[in-house]
Amino acid sequence: MTAAAIIVAAGSGQRFGNEGKCFALTHGFPMAWWSLAAAAEATSIDEIVLVCGAHSQTAAQSLISLFASTKPVTITLGGLRRQDSTLAGVHATSAQATVVAIHDAARPLVTGDLFDRVVAAAREFGGAVAAVPVSDTIKRVADDFVRETIPRDELVSVQTPQAFRKSLLVDAFASAAESGTTVTDEASLIESLGQPVRIVPGHTGNIKVTYPSDLILVEALLRERSR
């Protein structure tokens, strides 16, 4: 069974204030480069798809022209929603790819090892997500008053990559399209089919760049990693 990494870089970057967020220079390279490099390093990944938006297609093509990899890299255009972009990435994978690992380009600190671990779990269980335990106390509120404190030992913070058997994910997309469901991550699609999703330990450094201040932290962590 071969596996494909789908790097999603098609977002509008509204909260970041720059629609080309995933191609902003990050420690000397466009942000998406770091995710591509981790996927290329992963022994489980055989091919890579970079999903960009119409607004970032030129930047994506420029990045790929400079990205040296022995693994084939394909660019495809995403859609309006996150799941539309992911599905476009799935359709761009080869027929030989039986497992797909979806990763947000806005998480540039991912490692090849994390790709390998979620792909291995997806092959065994059908679906897997990287996640870390929640460290903060979480409370449910209504009308500005606390209604409930939720036991945090039952909670995890989900990251990417998330990996799935491709046939299962395609079925989940079809089901979501039929019901008109919109989700924020691919695991939710698999859960809606009643299929198990395995938790794979992520790492706290695998943060998502949402605001400009996040980029400052990522830059510092990349500098530390490169020493």
N, C-alpha and C. Protein backbone atom coordinates (compact mmCIF):
# COMPACT_ATOMS: atom_id res chain seq x y z
N MET A 1 0.84 -1.19 0.00
CA MET A 1 0.00 0.00 0.00
C MET A 1 0.88 1.24 0.00
N THR A 2 0.61 2.15 -0.93
CA THR A 2 1.36 3.39 -0.96
C THR A 2 0.55 4.49 -0.26
N ALA A 3 1.22 5.56 0.12
CA ALA A 3 0.58 6.65 0.85
C ALA A 3 0.93 7.99 0.23
N ALA A 4 -0.03 8.90 0.27
CA ALA A 4 0.16 10.25 -0.25
C ALA A 4 -0.02 11.26 0.88
N ALA A 5 0.80 12.28 0.89
CA ALA A 5 0.63 13.40 1.82
C ALA A 5 -0.05 14.53 1.08
N ILE A 6 -1.12 15.06 1.66
CA ILE A 6 -1.83 16.20 1.08
C ILE A 6 -1.59 17.40 1.98
N ILE A 7 -0.86 18.37 1.47
CA ILE A 7 -0.54 19.58 2.23
C ILE A 7 -1.53 20.66 1.83
N VAL A 8 -2.39 21.07 2.76
CA VAL A 8 -3.46 22.01 2.45
C VAL A 8 -2.99 23.44 2.76
N ALA A 9 -2.91 24.24 1.69
CA ALA A 9 -2.44 25.63 1.82
C ALA A 9 -3.36 26.56 1.05
N ALA A 10 -4.66 26.28 1.10
CA ALA A 10 -5.62 27.02 0.28
C ALA A 10 -6.44 28.02 1.06
N GLY A 11 -6.16 28.18 2.36
CA GLY A 11 -6.98 29.06 3.20
C GLY A 11 -6.84 30.53 2.85
N SER A 12 -7.82 31.30 3.32
CA SER A 12 -7.83 32.74 3.04
C SER A 12 -6.94 33.54 3.98
N GLY A 13 -6.57 32.95 5.12
CA GLY A 13 -5.69 33.65 6.06
C GLY A 13 -6.30 34.92 6.63
N GLN A 14 -7.62 34.94 6.83
CA GLN A 14 -8.29 36.16 7.29
C GLN A 14 -7.81 36.59 8.67
N ARG A 15 -7.67 35.65 9.59
CA ARG A 15 -7.25 36.01 10.95
C ARG A 15 -5.78 36.40 10.99
N PHE A 16 -5.02 35.87 10.03
CA PHE A 16 -3.60 36.23 9.95
C PHE A 16 -3.43 37.60 9.33
N GLY A 17 -4.40 38.00 8.49
CA GLY A 17 -4.31 39.29 7.82
C GLY A 17 -3.57 39.24 6.51
N ASN A 18 -3.37 38.03 5.97
CA ASN A 18 -2.63 37.87 4.72
C ASN A 18 -3.11 36.59 4.06
N GLU A 19 -3.75 36.69 2.89
CA GLU A 19 -4.31 35.51 2.26
C GLU A 19 -3.24 34.56 1.74
N GLY A 20 -2.00 35.03 1.67
CA GLY A 20 -0.89 34.18 1.26
C GLY A 20 -0.10 33.66 2.45
N LYS A 21 -0.77 33.52 3.61
CA LYS A 21 -0.10 33.14 4.85
C LYS A 21 0.81 31.92 4.69
N CYS A 22 0.33 30.88 4.05
CA CYS A 22 1.08 29.63 3.98
C CYS A 22 2.33 29.72 3.09
N PHE A 23 2.48 30.86 2.41
CA PHE A 23 3.66 31.06 1.57
C PHE A 23 4.50 32.24 2.05
N ALA A 24 4.15 32.76 3.24
CA ALA A 24 4.96 33.82 3.85
C ALA A 24 6.31 33.25 4.26
N LEU A 25 7.36 34.02 4.12
CA LEU A 25 8.69 33.54 4.50
C LEU A 25 8.74 33.21 5.98
N THR A 26 9.21 32.01 6.26
CA THR A 26 9.29 31.50 7.63
C THR A 26 10.65 30.86 7.80
N HIS A 27 11.52 31.53 8.55
CA HIS A 27 12.90 31.06 8.75
C HIS A 27 13.59 30.76 7.42
N GLY A 28 13.41 31.68 6.47
CA GLY A 28 14.15 31.60 5.22
C GLY A 28 13.45 30.88 4.08
N PHE A 29 12.32 30.23 4.36
CA PHE A 29 11.58 29.51 3.32
C PHE A 29 10.10 29.84 3.42
N PRO A 30 9.35 29.69 2.31
CA PRO A 30 7.89 29.83 2.41
C PRO A 30 7.34 28.83 3.44
N MET A 31 6.37 29.23 4.20
CA MET A 31 5.88 28.38 5.30
C MET A 31 5.56 26.96 4.83
N ALA A 32 4.90 26.83 3.68
CA ALA A 32 4.50 25.50 3.20
C ALA A 32 5.71 24.60 2.92
N TRP A 33 6.87 25.19 2.68
CA TRP A 33 8.07 24.39 2.38
C TRP A 33 8.39 23.43 3.51
N TRP A 34 8.19 23.85 4.74
CA TRP A 34 8.56 23.03 5.88
C TRP A 34 7.69 21.77 5.97
N SER A 35 6.41 21.89 5.64
CA SER A 35 5.54 20.71 5.63
C SER A 35 5.89 19.78 4.48
N LEU A 36 6.20 20.37 3.33
CA LEU A 36 6.63 19.56 2.18
C LEU A 36 7.90 18.78 2.53
N ALA A 37 8.83 19.45 3.20
CA ALA A 37 10.10 18.81 3.56
C ALA A 37 9.88 17.66 4.53
N ALA A 38 8.97 17.84 5.49
CA ALA A 38 8.68 16.77 6.45
C ALA A 38 8.03 15.59 5.75
N ALA A 39 7.10 15.86 4.83
CA ALA A 39 6.46 14.78 4.09
C ALA A 39 7.47 14.04 3.22
N ALA A 40 8.39 14.77 2.61
CA ALA A 40 9.41 14.15 1.77
C ALA A 40 10.36 13.29 2.61
N GLU A 41 10.57 13.69 3.85
CA GLU A 41 11.46 12.95 4.76
C GLU A 41 10.81 11.68 5.27
N ALA A 42 9.48 11.65 5.35
CA ALA A 42 8.76 10.50 5.91
C ALA A 42 8.94 9.27 5.02
N THR A 43 9.33 8.17 5.62
CA THR A 43 9.55 6.94 4.84
C THR A 43 8.24 6.34 4.34
N SER A 44 7.13 6.68 4.98
CA SER A 44 5.83 6.12 4.62
C SER A 44 5.19 6.82 3.43
N ILE A 45 5.65 8.02 3.10
CA ILE A 45 5.02 8.83 2.06
C ILE A 45 5.69 8.59 0.71
N ASP A 46 4.85 8.32 -0.29
CA ASP A 46 5.35 8.03 -1.63
C ASP A 46 5.12 9.18 -2.61
N GLU A 47 4.15 10.01 -2.34
CA GLU A 47 3.84 11.13 -3.22
C GLU A 47 3.25 12.26 -2.40
N ILE A 48 3.31 13.47 -2.94
CA ILE A 48 2.86 14.66 -2.21
C ILE A 48 1.96 15.50 -3.11
N VAL A 49 0.88 16.01 -2.54
CA VAL A 49 0.00 16.94 -3.23
C VAL A 49 -0.06 18.23 -2.43
N LEU A 50 0.19 19.35 -3.09
CA LEU A 50 0.08 20.66 -2.45
C LEU A 50 -1.20 21.32 -2.96
N VAL A 51 -2.12 21.61 -2.04
CA VAL A 51 -3.39 22.23 -2.40
C VAL A 51 -3.29 23.73 -2.12
N CYS A 52 -3.46 24.53 -3.14
CA CYS A 52 -3.37 25.98 -2.97
C CYS A 52 -4.68 26.63 -3.42
N GLY A 53 -4.78 27.94 -3.20
CA GLY A 53 -5.94 28.68 -3.67
C GLY A 53 -5.59 29.42 -4.96
N ALA A 54 -6.60 29.94 -5.62
CA ALA A 54 -6.34 30.71 -6.84
C ALA A 54 -5.44 31.90 -6.53
N HIS A 55 -5.58 32.44 -5.32
CA HIS A 55 -4.79 33.60 -4.92
C HIS A 55 -3.33 33.26 -4.67
N SER A 56 -3.03 31.97 -4.46
CA SER A 56 -1.65 31.58 -4.12
C SER A 56 -1.05 30.59 -5.12
N GLN A 57 -1.69 30.43 -6.28
CA GLN A 57 -1.22 29.46 -7.26
C GLN A 57 0.18 29.79 -7.77
N THR A 58 0.43 31.06 -8.03
CA THR A 58 1.75 31.46 -8.52
C THR A 58 2.82 31.19 -7.47
N ALA A 59 2.50 31.51 -6.22
CA ALA A 59 3.46 31.26 -5.13
C ALA A 59 3.72 29.77 -4.98
N ALA A 60 2.68 28.95 -5.12
CA ALA A 60 2.82 27.50 -5.01
C ALA A 60 3.71 26.95 -6.12
N GLN A 61 3.50 27.42 -7.33
CA GLN A 61 4.31 26.96 -8.45
C GLN A 61 5.77 27.36 -8.28
N SER A 62 5.99 28.58 -7.77
CA SER A 62 7.36 29.02 -7.52
C SER A 62 8.04 28.16 -6.46
N LEU A 63 7.28 27.81 -5.43
CA LEU A 63 7.82 26.97 -4.36
C LEU A 63 8.21 25.59 -4.90
N ILE A 64 7.33 24.97 -5.66
CA ILE A 64 7.59 23.63 -6.16
C ILE A 64 8.78 23.63 -7.12
N SER A 65 8.96 24.71 -7.87
CA SER A 65 10.09 24.77 -8.80
C SER A 65 11.42 24.79 -8.07
N LEU A 66 11.40 25.21 -6.81
CA LEU A 66 12.63 25.27 -6.01
C LEU A 66 12.76 24.10 -5.05
N PHE A 67 11.70 23.31 -4.90
CA PHE A 67 11.68 22.24 -3.92
C PHE A 67 12.27 20.97 -4.52
N ALA A 68 13.38 20.54 -3.98
CA ALA A 68 14.05 19.34 -4.49
C ALA A 68 13.57 18.12 -3.72
N SER A 69 12.95 17.17 -4.44
CA SER A 69 12.46 15.96 -3.79
C SER A 69 12.49 14.81 -4.79
N THR A 70 12.84 13.64 -4.29
CA THR A 70 12.79 12.45 -5.14
C THR A 70 11.38 11.92 -5.26
N LYS A 71 10.47 12.45 -4.47
CA LYS A 71 9.06 12.03 -4.51
C LYS A 71 8.27 12.98 -5.39
N PRO A 72 7.33 12.46 -6.19
CA PRO A 72 6.55 13.34 -7.05
C PRO A 72 5.69 14.31 -6.24
N VAL A 73 5.66 15.57 -6.70
CA VAL A 73 4.86 16.61 -6.04
C VAL A 73 3.91 17.20 -7.07
N THR A 74 2.62 17.23 -6.73
CA THR A 74 1.58 17.75 -7.61
C THR A 74 0.93 18.95 -6.95
N ILE A 75 0.57 19.95 -7.76
CA ILE A 75 -0.19 21.11 -7.26
C ILE A 75 -1.63 20.99 -7.77
N THR A 76 -2.58 21.27 -6.90
CA THR A 76 -3.98 21.32 -7.32
C THR A 76 -4.68 22.47 -6.61
N LEU A 77 -5.73 22.98 -7.21
CA LEU A 77 -6.49 24.09 -6.63
C LEU A 77 -7.52 23.57 -5.65
N GLY A 78 -7.67 24.28 -4.53
CA GLY A 78 -8.66 23.92 -3.53
C GLY A 78 -10.00 24.54 -3.82
N GLY A 79 -10.89 24.46 -2.83
CA GLY A 79 -12.25 24.98 -2.98
C GLY A 79 -12.59 26.00 -1.92
N LEU A 80 -13.88 26.29 -1.77
CA LEU A 80 -14.31 27.32 -0.84
C LEU A 80 -14.13 26.90 0.61
N ARG A 81 -14.43 25.62 0.92
CA ARG A 81 -14.33 25.13 2.28
C ARG A 81 -13.10 24.27 2.46
N ARG A 82 -12.71 24.07 3.71
CA ARG A 82 -11.58 23.20 4.02
C ARG A 82 -11.80 21.80 3.40
N GLN A 83 -12.99 21.24 3.58
CA GLN A 83 -13.23 19.89 3.07
C GLN A 83 -13.23 19.84 1.55
N ASP A 84 -13.60 20.95 0.88
CA ASP A 84 -13.53 20.99 -0.57
C ASP A 84 -12.07 20.95 -1.03
N SER A 85 -11.21 21.64 -0.30
CA SER A 85 -9.79 21.65 -0.65
C SER A 85 -9.16 20.28 -0.41
N THR A 86 -9.53 19.66 0.70
CA THR A 86 -9.01 18.33 1.00
C THR A 86 -9.45 17.32 -0.06
N LEU A 87 -10.72 17.38 -0.45
CA LEU A 87 -11.23 16.45 -1.45
C LEU A 87 -10.52 16.66 -2.79
N ALA A 88 -10.23 17.90 -3.13
CA ALA A 88 -9.48 18.17 -4.36
C ALA A 88 -8.10 17.52 -4.27
N GLY A 89 -7.49 17.59 -3.08
CA GLY A 89 -6.20 16.94 -2.89
C GLY A 89 -6.29 15.43 -3.02
N VAL A 90 -7.35 14.85 -2.47
CA VAL A 90 -7.55 13.39 -2.58
C VAL A 90 -7.67 12.98 -4.04
N HIS A 91 -8.45 13.76 -4.81
CA HIS A 91 -8.64 13.44 -6.23
C HIS A 91 -7.33 13.59 -7.02
N ALA A 92 -6.41 14.39 -6.52
CA ALA A 92 -5.14 14.60 -7.22
C ALA A 92 -4.11 13.52 -6.92
N THR A 93 -4.39 12.63 -5.97
CA THR A 93 -3.46 11.55 -5.67
C THR A 93 -3.57 10.47 -6.73
N SER A 94 -2.55 9.65 -6.83
CA SER A 94 -2.54 8.59 -7.83
C SER A 94 -3.46 7.44 -7.42
N ALA A 95 -3.77 6.60 -8.39
CA ALA A 95 -4.61 5.44 -8.11
C ALA A 95 -3.91 4.46 -7.18
N GLN A 96 -2.58 4.51 -7.14
CA GLN A 96 -1.81 3.60 -6.30
C GLN A 96 -1.88 3.97 -4.81
N ALA A 97 -2.20 5.21 -4.51
CA ALA A 97 -2.24 5.67 -3.12
C ALA A 97 -3.49 5.12 -2.43
N THR A 98 -3.29 4.29 -1.43
CA THR A 98 -4.42 3.71 -0.71
C THR A 98 -4.64 4.37 0.65
N VAL A 99 -3.65 5.14 1.10
CA VAL A 99 -3.75 5.89 2.36
C VAL A 99 -3.36 7.34 2.06
N VAL A 100 -4.11 8.28 2.65
CA VAL A 100 -3.77 9.70 2.49
C VAL A 100 -3.58 10.32 3.87
N ALA A 101 -2.58 11.16 3.97
CA ALA A 101 -2.30 11.90 5.21
C ALA A 101 -2.49 13.38 4.91
N ILE A 102 -3.47 14.00 5.56
CA ILE A 102 -3.78 15.41 5.31
C ILE A 102 -3.12 16.26 6.38
N HIS A 103 -2.45 17.33 5.92
CA HIS A 103 -1.74 18.19 6.87
C HIS A 103 -1.93 19.65 6.50
N ASP A 104 -2.11 20.49 7.53
CA ASP A 104 -2.22 21.94 7.33
C ASP A 104 -0.84 22.55 7.10
N ALA A 105 -0.68 23.26 6.00
CA ALA A 105 0.59 23.93 5.75
C ALA A 105 0.90 24.97 6.82
N ALA A 106 -0.14 25.40 7.54
CA ALA A 106 0.05 26.38 8.61
C ALA A 106 0.63 25.76 9.88
N ARG A 107 0.98 24.46 9.82
CA ARG A 107 1.70 23.80 10.92
C ARG A 107 3.08 23.41 10.41
N PRO A 108 4.00 24.36 10.31
CA PRO A 108 5.30 24.10 9.69
C PRO A 108 6.27 23.29 10.54
N LEU A 109 5.93 23.01 11.79
CA LEU A 109 6.85 22.28 12.67
C LEU A 109 6.57 20.78 12.72
N VAL A 110 5.76 20.29 11.81
CA VAL A 110 5.49 18.85 11.74
C VAL A 110 6.80 18.12 11.39
N THR A 111 6.86 16.85 11.75
CA THR A 111 8.05 16.05 11.46
C THR A 111 7.70 14.86 10.57
N GLY A 112 8.71 14.33 9.91
CA GLY A 112 8.52 13.13 9.12
C GLY A 112 8.06 11.97 9.97
N ASP A 113 8.57 11.88 11.18
CA ASP A 113 8.18 10.79 12.09
C ASP A 113 6.69 10.83 12.41
N LEU A 114 6.12 12.02 12.57
CA LEU A 114 4.69 12.12 12.87
C LEU A 114 3.86 11.65 11.67
N PHE A 115 4.28 12.01 10.47
CA PHE A 115 3.62 11.48 9.28
C PHE A 115 3.64 9.96 9.30
N ASP A 116 4.81 9.39 9.59
CA ASP A 116 4.95 7.93 9.58
C ASP A 116 4.03 7.26 10.59
N ARG A 117 3.90 7.86 11.76
CA ARG A 117 3.10 7.23 12.82
C ARG A 117 1.60 7.30 12.53
N VAL A 118 1.12 8.41 11.95
CA VAL A 118 -0.32 8.47 11.65
C VAL A 118 -0.65 7.57 10.45
N VAL A 119 0.27 7.48 9.49
CA VAL A 119 0.02 6.60 8.34
C VAL A 119 -0.03 5.14 8.81
N ALA A 120 0.89 4.75 9.68
CA ALA A 120 0.90 3.37 10.19
C ALA A 120 -0.40 3.06 10.93
N ALA A 121 -0.88 4.00 11.73
CA ALA A 121 -2.12 3.78 12.47
C ALA A 121 -3.33 3.73 11.54
N ALA A 122 -3.32 4.56 10.50
CA ALA A 122 -4.43 4.55 9.54
C ALA A 122 -4.49 3.22 8.80
N ARG A 123 -3.34 2.67 8.48
CA ARG A 123 -3.32 1.37 7.81
C ARG A 123 -3.92 0.28 8.69
N GLU A 124 -3.71 0.40 9.99
CA GLU A 124 -4.21 -0.62 10.92
C GLU A 124 -5.67 -0.41 11.30
N PHE A 125 -6.05 0.86 11.54
CA PHE A 125 -7.38 1.13 12.09
C PHE A 125 -8.33 1.81 11.12
N GLY A 126 -7.84 2.30 10.00
CA GLY A 126 -8.68 2.99 9.03
C GLY A 126 -8.55 4.49 9.09
N GLY A 127 -8.39 5.05 10.30
CA GLY A 127 -8.24 6.49 10.47
C GLY A 127 -7.42 6.81 11.70
N ALA A 128 -6.65 7.88 11.64
CA ALA A 128 -5.81 8.26 12.79
C ALA A 128 -5.56 9.77 12.75
N VAL A 129 -5.46 10.36 13.93
CA VAL A 129 -5.17 11.79 14.04
C VAL A 129 -4.08 12.01 15.09
N ALA A 130 -3.25 13.00 14.82
CA ALA A 130 -2.28 13.43 15.82
C ALA A 130 -3.00 14.32 16.84
N ALA A 131 -2.70 14.13 18.11
CA ALA A 131 -3.37 14.91 19.15
C ALA A 131 -2.50 14.98 20.39
N VAL A 132 -2.72 16.01 21.20
CA VAL A 132 -2.00 16.17 22.47
C VAL A 132 -3.03 16.39 23.58
N PRO A 133 -2.73 15.95 24.81
CA PRO A 133 -3.67 16.16 25.91
C PRO A 133 -3.92 17.65 26.14
N VAL A 134 -5.14 17.97 26.55
CA VAL A 134 -5.48 19.36 26.91
C VAL A 134 -4.91 19.66 28.28
N SER A 135 -4.16 20.75 28.39
CA SER A 135 -3.53 21.09 29.67
C SER A 135 -4.31 22.15 30.45
N ASP A 136 -5.09 22.95 29.76
CA ASP A 136 -5.89 23.98 30.43
C ASP A 136 -7.19 23.39 30.99
N THR A 137 -7.72 24.03 32.00
CA THR A 137 -9.05 23.67 32.49
C THR A 137 -10.08 24.23 31.52
N ILE A 138 -11.01 23.36 31.09
CA ILE A 138 -12.01 23.76 30.10
C ILE A 138 -13.37 23.85 30.77
N LYS A 139 -14.06 24.96 30.54
CA LYS A 139 -15.39 25.15 31.12
C LYS A 139 -16.40 25.46 30.02
N ARG A 140 -17.59 24.91 30.18
CA ARG A 140 -18.70 25.23 29.28
C ARG A 140 -19.42 26.44 29.85
N VAL A 141 -19.68 27.44 29.00
CA VAL A 141 -20.31 28.68 29.48
C VAL A 141 -21.56 28.97 28.66
N ALA A 142 -22.44 29.76 29.26
CA ALA A 142 -23.63 30.26 28.59
C ALA A 142 -23.99 31.58 29.22
N ASP A 143 -24.24 32.57 28.39
CA ASP A 143 -24.61 33.92 28.89
C ASP A 143 -23.57 34.45 29.86
N ASP A 144 -22.31 34.18 29.56
CA ASP A 144 -21.18 34.69 30.34
C ASP A 144 -21.07 34.10 31.75
N PHE A 145 -21.72 32.97 31.99
CA PHE A 145 -21.59 32.28 33.27
C PHE A 145 -21.13 30.85 33.03
N VAL A 146 -20.31 30.34 33.96
CA VAL A 146 -19.85 28.96 33.86
C VAL A 146 -21.01 28.02 34.16
N ARG A 147 -21.22 27.06 33.27
CA ARG A 147 -22.28 26.07 33.47
C ARG A 147 -21.72 24.71 33.86
N GLU A 148 -20.48 24.44 33.44
CA GLU A 148 -19.94 23.11 33.69
C GLU A 148 -18.43 23.14 33.51
N THR A 149 -17.73 22.39 34.36
CA THR A 149 -16.31 22.16 34.16
C THR A 149 -16.14 20.77 33.56
N ILE A 150 -15.47 20.70 32.42
CA ILE A 150 -15.35 19.43 31.68
C ILE A 150 -14.05 18.75 32.09
N PRO A 151 -14.11 17.49 32.53
CA PRO A 151 -12.89 16.77 32.92
C PRO A 151 -11.89 16.73 31.76
N ARG A 152 -10.72 17.29 31.99
CA ARG A 152 -9.78 17.40 30.87
C ARG A 152 -9.07 16.09 30.57
N ASP A 153 -9.17 15.09 31.46
CA ASP A 153 -8.56 13.81 31.15
C ASP A 153 -9.31 13.08 30.04
N GLU A 154 -10.48 13.61 29.66
CA GLU A 154 -11.25 13.04 28.56
C GLU A 154 -11.04 13.81 27.26
N LEU A 155 -10.21 14.84 27.30
CA LEU A 155 -10.08 15.74 26.16
C LEU A 155 -8.68 15.72 25.56
N VAL A 156 -8.61 15.90 24.25
CA VAL A 156 -7.35 16.10 23.55
C VAL A 156 -7.51 17.26 22.59
N SER A 157 -6.40 17.88 22.24
CA SER A 157 -6.38 18.92 21.22
C SER A 157 -5.86 18.28 19.93
N VAL A 158 -6.70 18.28 18.92
CA VAL A 158 -6.38 17.56 17.68
C VAL A 158 -5.51 18.43 16.77
N GLN A 159 -4.53 17.79 16.16
CA GLN A 159 -3.61 18.45 15.24
C GLN A 159 -3.74 17.81 13.86
N THR A 160 -2.84 18.16 12.98
CA THR A 160 -2.60 17.40 11.76
C THR A 160 -1.13 17.04 11.76
N PRO A 161 -0.76 15.96 11.03
CA PRO A 161 -1.53 15.26 10.02
C PRO A 161 -2.60 14.34 10.58
N GLN A 162 -3.61 14.12 9.73
CA GLN A 162 -4.65 13.13 9.97
C GLN A 162 -4.62 12.19 8.77
N ALA A 163 -4.60 10.89 9.01
CA ALA A 163 -4.44 9.93 7.91
C ALA A 163 -5.60 8.94 7.89
N PHE A 164 -5.96 8.52 6.67
CA PHE A 164 -7.11 7.65 6.50
C PHE A 164 -6.90 6.74 5.29
N ARG A 165 -7.54 5.59 5.32
CA ARG A 165 -7.63 4.81 4.10
C ARG A 165 -8.41 5.63 3.09
N LYS A 166 -7.87 5.74 1.90
CA LYS A 166 -8.47 6.67 0.93
C LYS A 166 -9.90 6.29 0.59
N SER A 167 -10.19 5.03 0.41
CA SER A 167 -11.55 4.62 0.05
C SER A 167 -12.55 5.00 1.14
N LEU A 168 -12.14 4.89 2.40
CA LEU A 168 -13.01 5.26 3.51
C LEU A 168 -13.27 6.76 3.52
N LEU A 169 -12.23 7.55 3.25
CA LEU A 169 -12.38 9.01 3.25
C LEU A 169 -13.27 9.45 2.09
N VAL A 170 -13.11 8.84 0.93
CA VAL A 170 -13.96 9.18 -0.21
C VAL A 170 -15.43 8.89 0.12
N ASP A 171 -15.70 7.78 0.75
CA ASP A 171 -17.07 7.46 1.17
C ASP A 171 -17.60 8.51 2.16
N ALA A 172 -16.73 8.95 3.06
CA ALA A 172 -17.15 9.94 4.06
C ALA A 172 -17.46 11.28 3.41
N PHE A 173 -16.66 11.66 2.40
CA PHE A 173 -16.94 12.90 1.67
C PHE A 173 -18.28 12.81 0.94
N ALA A 174 -18.55 11.66 0.34
CA ALA A 174 -19.81 11.48 -0.38
C ALA A 174 -21.00 11.58 0.57
N SER A 175 -20.86 11.00 1.77
CA SER A 175 -21.92 11.07 2.76
C SER A 175 -22.15 12.51 3.22
N ALA A 176 -21.06 13.26 3.41
CA ALA A 176 -21.18 14.66 3.84
C ALA A 176 -21.84 15.50 2.75
N ALA A 177 -21.50 15.23 1.51
CA ALA A 177 -22.11 15.98 0.40
C ALA A 177 -23.61 15.70 0.32
N GLU A 178 -23.99 14.47 0.56
CA GLU A 178 -25.41 14.10 0.51
C GLU A 178 -26.21 14.76 1.62
N SER A 179 -25.58 14.88 2.80
CA SER A 179 -26.29 15.46 3.95
C SER A 179 -26.09 16.97 4.07
N GLY A 180 -25.18 17.53 3.27
CA GLY A 180 -24.90 18.96 3.34
C GLY A 180 -24.10 19.35 4.57
N THR A 181 -23.30 18.42 5.09
CA THR A 181 -22.54 18.64 6.31
C THR A 181 -21.24 19.39 6.03
N THR A 182 -20.93 20.37 6.88
CA THR A 182 -19.64 21.06 6.83
C THR A 182 -18.89 20.75 8.11
N VAL A 183 -17.62 20.37 7.98
CA VAL A 183 -16.81 20.01 9.15
C VAL A 183 -15.51 20.81 9.13
N THR A 184 -14.82 20.81 10.26
CA THR A 184 -13.57 21.55 10.37
C THR A 184 -12.35 20.66 10.27
N ASP A 185 -12.55 19.34 10.35
CA ASP A 185 -11.42 18.43 10.13
C ASP A 185 -11.93 17.12 9.54
N GLU A 186 -11.00 16.39 8.92
CA GLU A 186 -11.39 15.17 8.20
C GLU A 186 -11.84 14.06 9.14
N ALA A 187 -11.29 14.02 10.34
CA ALA A 187 -11.68 12.99 11.30
C ALA A 187 -13.18 13.05 11.59
N SER A 188 -13.76 14.25 11.59
CA SER A 188 -15.20 14.38 11.84
C SER A 188 -16.00 13.66 10.78
N LEU A 189 -15.51 13.66 9.55
CA LEU A 189 -16.19 12.96 8.47
C LEU A 189 -16.20 11.45 8.73
N ILE A 190 -15.06 10.93 9.17
CA ILE A 190 -14.95 9.50 9.45
C ILE A 190 -15.82 9.14 10.65
N GLU A 191 -15.81 9.98 11.67
CA GLU A 191 -16.63 9.74 12.86
C GLU A 191 -18.11 9.67 12.49
N SER A 192 -18.53 10.50 11.52
CA SER A 192 -19.95 10.54 11.13
C SER A 192 -20.40 9.23 10.51
N LEU A 193 -19.44 8.43 10.01
CA LEU A 193 -19.77 7.11 9.46
C LEU A 193 -19.79 6.04 10.53
N GLY A 194 -19.46 6.43 11.77
CA GLY A 194 -19.38 5.46 12.85
C GLY A 194 -18.11 4.64 12.82
N GLN A 195 -17.08 5.16 12.12
CA GLN A 195 -15.81 4.46 12.00
C GLN A 195 -14.84 4.93 13.10
N PRO A 196 -13.98 4.05 13.59
CA PRO A 196 -13.03 4.45 14.63
C PRO A 196 -11.92 5.34 14.09
N VAL A 197 -11.47 6.24 14.92
CA VAL A 197 -10.33 7.10 14.60
C VAL A 197 -9.32 6.97 15.73
N ARG A 198 -8.15 6.50 15.41
CA ARG A 198 -7.11 6.25 16.42
C ARG A 198 -6.36 7.55 16.75
N ILE A 199 -6.11 7.76 18.04
CA ILE A 199 -5.31 8.90 18.48
C ILE A 199 -3.83 8.51 18.47
N VAL A 200 -3.03 9.34 17.81
CA VAL A 200 -1.58 9.16 17.77
C VAL A 200 -0.95 10.34 18.50
N PRO A 201 -0.06 10.11 19.46
CA PRO A 201 0.53 11.24 20.18
C PRO A 201 1.21 12.24 19.24
N GLY A 202 0.76 13.48 19.29
CA GLY A 202 1.41 14.54 18.53
C GLY A 202 2.50 15.16 19.37
N HIS A 203 2.84 16.40 19.08
CA HIS A 203 3.79 17.09 19.95
C HIS A 203 3.38 18.55 20.10
N THR A 204 3.65 19.10 21.27
CA THR A 204 3.16 20.44 21.59
C THR A 204 3.78 21.51 20.69
N GLY A 205 4.92 21.22 20.10
CA GLY A 205 5.54 22.18 19.20
C GLY A 205 4.88 22.26 17.84
N ASN A 206 3.99 21.33 17.55
CA ASN A 206 3.32 21.29 16.24
C ASN A 206 2.16 22.28 16.22
N ILE A 207 2.48 23.54 16.41
CA ILE A 207 1.45 24.56 16.55
C ILE A 207 1.00 25.07 15.18
N LYS A 208 -0.20 25.62 15.17
CA LYS A 208 -0.77 26.17 13.94
C LYS A 208 -0.60 27.68 13.93
N VAL A 209 -0.11 28.21 12.83
CA VAL A 209 0.05 29.65 12.68
C VAL A 209 -1.31 30.23 12.28
N THR A 210 -1.93 30.93 13.20
CA THR A 210 -3.23 31.55 12.94
C THR A 210 -3.11 33.06 12.94
N TYR A 211 -2.33 33.60 13.88
CA TYR A 211 -2.13 35.04 14.01
C TYR A 211 -0.65 35.37 13.79
N PRO A 212 -0.34 36.62 13.44
CA PRO A 212 1.06 37.00 13.23
C PRO A 212 1.96 36.69 14.43
N SER A 213 1.42 36.77 15.64
CA SER A 213 2.22 36.47 16.82
C SER A 213 2.64 35.00 16.86
N ASP A 214 1.84 34.11 16.26
CA ASP A 214 2.20 32.70 16.21
C ASP A 214 3.46 32.50 15.37
N LEU A 215 3.61 33.31 14.35
CA LEU A 215 4.77 33.17 13.45
C LEU A 215 6.06 33.50 14.19
N ILE A 216 6.00 34.41 15.13
CA ILE A 216 7.19 34.74 15.92
C ILE A 216 7.66 33.53 16.71
N LEU A 217 6.73 32.80 17.32
CA LEU A 217 7.07 31.60 18.07
C LEU A 217 7.61 30.51 17.14
N VAL A 218 6.97 30.33 16.00
CA VAL A 218 7.43 29.31 15.05
C VAL A 218 8.84 29.61 14.57
N GLU A 219 9.11 30.86 14.28
CA GLU A 219 10.46 31.25 13.85
C GLU A 219 11.50 30.87 14.92
N ALA A 220 11.17 31.14 16.18
CA ALA A 220 12.09 30.84 17.27
C ALA A 220 12.31 29.33 17.38
N LEU A 221 11.25 28.56 17.24
CA LEU A 221 11.37 27.10 17.35
C LEU A 221 12.15 26.52 16.17
N LEU A 222 11.97 27.09 14.98
CA LEU A 222 12.73 26.61 13.82
C LEU A 222 14.21 26.94 13.97
N ARG A 223 14.49 28.12 14.52
CA ARG A 223 15.91 28.48 14.76
C ARG A 223 16.53 27.49 15.74
N GLU A 224 15.78 27.15 16.78
CA GLU A 224 16.30 26.21 17.78
C GLU A 224 16.49 24.83 17.16
N ARG A 225 15.58 24.41 16.32
CA ARG A 225 15.69 23.10 15.68
C ARG A 225 16.90 23.02 14.76
N SER A 226 17.24 24.13 14.09
CA SER A 226 18.31 24.11 13.11
C SER A 226 19.70 24.22 13.73
N ARG A 227 19.78 24.41 15.05
CA ARG A 227 21.10 24.52 15.69
C ARG A 227 21.79 23.18 15.78
